[in-house]
Amino acid sequence: MSSVQDTVFDIIARESGIDRARITPEATLKDLEIQSLDAVQIIFEIEDHFKITMPDRDPNFDTESVKGLVEAVEKLVAEKPAQS
C-alpha cells in the first residue's frame, strides 16, 4: 500500500467517522455511506494535506471511488513542481 493511499484512507476515516478497516480501494464514497458534505470536506483535507487542487468535474479523474481518489492524488502529486 502506498503512503498516498495510507494517508487518503486516514483522511477518509477521520473526516467521515468510518472505521478505517471498512475502507478499501474498491469502495465508493456512496458504498461507505459518506454524505456529500463529508465528501467535500474529505477532498478539502486531501488538497490541504498534499498541497494540490483536485479537479472539479474532470472526466479524467474518478473522485467517486476510493481507488480513483488515490490515483488522482498520486497523479497530481507526481505532476507538482519540485519545491526548491
C-alpha atoms as a PDB file:
ATOM      1  CA  MET A   1       0.000   0.000   0.000  1.00  0.00           C
ATOM      2  CA  SER A   2       1.401   3.372  -0.977  1.00  0.00           C
ATOM      3  CA  SER A   3       1.886   6.163   1.530  1.00  0.00           C
ATOM      4  CA  VAL A   4      -0.563   8.267  -0.511  1.00  0.00           C
ATOM      5  CA  GLN A   5      -3.192   5.543  -0.186  1.00  0.00           C
ATOM      6  CA  ASP A   6      -2.500   5.231   3.555  1.00  0.00           C
ATOM      7  CA  THR A   7      -2.921   8.974   4.018  1.00  0.00           C
ATOM      8  CA  VAL A   8      -6.102   9.149   1.905  1.00  0.00           C
ATOM      9  CA  PHE A   9      -7.591   6.233   3.892  1.00  0.00           C
ATOM     10  CA  ASP A  10      -6.692   8.003   7.148  1.00  0.00           C
ATOM     11  CA  ILE A  11      -8.321  11.253   5.993  1.00  0.00           C
ATOM     12  CA  ILE A  12     -11.487   9.459   4.843  1.00  0.00           C
ATOM     13  CA  ALA A  13     -11.729   7.596   8.163  1.00  0.00           C
ATOM     14  CA  ARG A  14     -11.089  10.715  10.255  1.00  0.00           C
ATOM     15  CA  GLU A  15     -13.463  13.016   8.363  1.00  0.00           C
ATOM     16  CA  SER A  16     -16.316  10.537   7.969  1.00  0.00           C
ATOM     17  CA  GLY A  17     -16.037   8.723  11.288  1.00  0.00           C
ATOM     18  CA  ILE A  18     -15.863   5.394   9.449  1.00  0.00           C
ATOM     19  CA  ASP A  19     -13.738   2.534  10.770  1.00  0.00           C
ATOM     20  CA  ARG A  20     -10.574   2.539   8.629  1.00  0.00           C
ATOM     21  CA  ALA A  21     -10.890  -1.238   8.184  1.00  0.00           C
ATOM     22  CA  ARG A  22     -14.068  -0.678   6.111  1.00  0.00           C
ATOM     23  CA  ILE A  23     -12.225   1.461   3.563  1.00  0.00           C
ATOM     24  CA  THR A  24     -10.945  -0.424   0.532  1.00  0.00           C
ATOM     25  CA  PRO A  25      -9.727   0.766  -2.874  1.00  0.00           C
ATOM     26  CA  GLU A  26     -12.764  -0.875  -4.491  1.00  0.00           C
ATOM     27  CA  ALA A  27     -15.255   1.007  -2.298  1.00  0.00           C
ATOM     28  CA  THR A  28     -17.033   4.109  -3.487  1.00  0.00           C
ATOM     29  CA  LEU A  29     -17.887   7.021  -1.219  1.00  0.00           C
ATOM     30  CA  LYS A  30     -21.528   6.006  -1.721  1.00  0.00           C
ATOM     31  CA  ASP A  31     -20.755   2.408  -0.590  1.00  0.00           C
ATOM     32  CA  LEU A  32     -19.214   3.874   2.568  1.00  0.00           C
ATOM     33  CA  GLU A  33     -22.376   5.967   3.106  1.00  0.00           C
ATOM     34  CA  ILE A  34     -20.385   9.191   3.041  1.00  0.00           C
ATOM     35  CA  GLN A  35     -22.683  12.198   2.673  1.00  0.00           C
ATOM     36  CA  SER A  36     -21.865  14.808   0.041  1.00  0.00           C
ATOM     37  CA  LEU A  37     -20.856  17.430   2.628  1.00  0.00           C
ATOM     38  CA  ASP A  38     -18.459  14.951   4.228  1.00  0.00           C
ATOM     39  CA  ALA A  39     -17.108  14.069   0.776  1.00  0.00           C
ATOM     40  CA  VAL A  40     -16.390  17.750   0.114  1.00  0.00           C
ATOM     41  CA  GLN A  41     -14.607  18.026   3.464  1.00  0.00           C
ATOM     42  CA  ILE A  42     -12.557  14.913   2.633  1.00  0.00           C
ATOM     43  CA  ILE A  43     -11.489  16.484  -0.690  1.00  0.00           C
ATOM     44  CA  PHE A  44     -10.531  19.729   1.119  1.00  0.00           C
ATOM     45  CA  GLU A  45      -8.469  17.795   3.657  1.00  0.00           C
ATOM     46  CA  ILE A  46      -6.711  15.808   0.909  1.00  0.00           C
ATOM     47  CA  GLU A  47      -5.945  19.006  -1.013  1.00  0.00           C
ATOM     48  CA  ASP A  48      -4.651  20.693   2.119  1.00  0.00           C
ATOM     49  CA  HIS A  49      -2.503  17.752   3.187  1.00  0.00           C
ATOM     50  CA  PHE A  50      -0.882  17.196  -0.217  1.00  0.00           C
ATOM     51  CA  LYS A  51      -0.892  20.885  -1.284  1.00  0.00           C
ATOM     52  CA  ILE A  52      -2.764  20.050  -4.505  1.00  0.00           C
ATOM     53  CA  THR A  53      -6.005  21.103  -6.164  1.00  0.00           C
ATOM     54  CA  MET A  54      -8.382  18.335  -7.155  1.00  0.00           C
ATOM     55  CA  PRO A  55     -10.115  18.889 -10.488  1.00  0.00           C
ATOM     56  CA  ASP A  56     -13.797  19.740 -10.285  1.00  0.00           C
ATOM     57  CA  ARG A  57     -15.907  17.516 -12.513  1.00  0.00           C
ATOM     58  CA  ASP A  58     -12.985  16.484 -14.727  1.00  0.00           C
ATOM     59  CA  PRO A  59     -13.966  13.306 -16.621  1.00  0.00           C
ATOM     60  CA  ASN A  60     -10.327  12.146 -16.488  1.00  0.00           C
ATOM     61  CA  PHE A  61     -10.470  11.881 -12.707  1.00  0.00           C
ATOM     62  CA  ASP A  62     -12.649   9.438 -10.790  1.00  0.00           C
ATOM     63  CA  THR A  63     -13.349  11.021  -7.431  1.00  0.00           C
ATOM     64  CA  GLU A  64     -16.324   8.774  -6.648  1.00  0.00           C
ATOM     65  CA  SER A  65     -14.278   5.712  -5.710  1.00  0.00           C
ATOM     66  CA  VAL A  66     -11.553   5.418  -3.113  1.00  0.00           C
ATOM     67  CA  LYS A  67      -9.176   3.993  -5.737  1.00  0.00           C
ATOM     68  CA  GLY A  68      -9.958   6.912  -8.054  1.00  0.00           C
ATOM     69  CA  LEU A  69      -9.231   9.417  -5.294  1.00  0.00           C
ATOM     70  CA  VAL A  70      -5.894   7.767  -4.517  1.00  0.00           C
ATOM     71  CA  GLU A  71      -4.941   7.657  -8.215  1.00  0.00           C
ATOM     72  CA  ALA A  72      -5.917  11.311  -8.690  1.00  0.00           C
ATOM     73  CA  VAL A  73      -3.810  12.358  -5.691  1.00  0.00           C
ATOM     74  CA  GLU A  74      -0.824  10.290  -6.872  1.00  0.00           C
ATOM     75  CA  LYS A  75      -1.062  11.827 -10.355  1.00  0.00           C
ATOM     76  CA  LEU A  76      -1.360  15.387  -9.039  1.00  0.00           C
ATOM     77  CA  VAL A  77       1.476  14.919  -6.549  1.00  0.00           C
ATOM     78  CA  ALA A  78       3.701  13.499  -9.322  1.00  0.00           C
ATOM     79  CA  GLU A  79       2.900  16.484 -11.573  1.00  0.00           C
ATOM     80  CA  LYS A  80       3.546  19.029  -8.841  1.00  0.00           C
ATOM     81  CA  PRO A  81       6.698  21.045  -9.464  1.00  0.00           C
ATOM     82  CA  ALA A  82       9.501  20.196  -7.084  1.00  0.00           C
ATOM     83  CA  GLN A  83       9.837  22.655  -4.220  1.00  0.00           C
ATOM     84  CA  SER A  84      13.267  24.242  -4.179  1.00  0.00           C
END
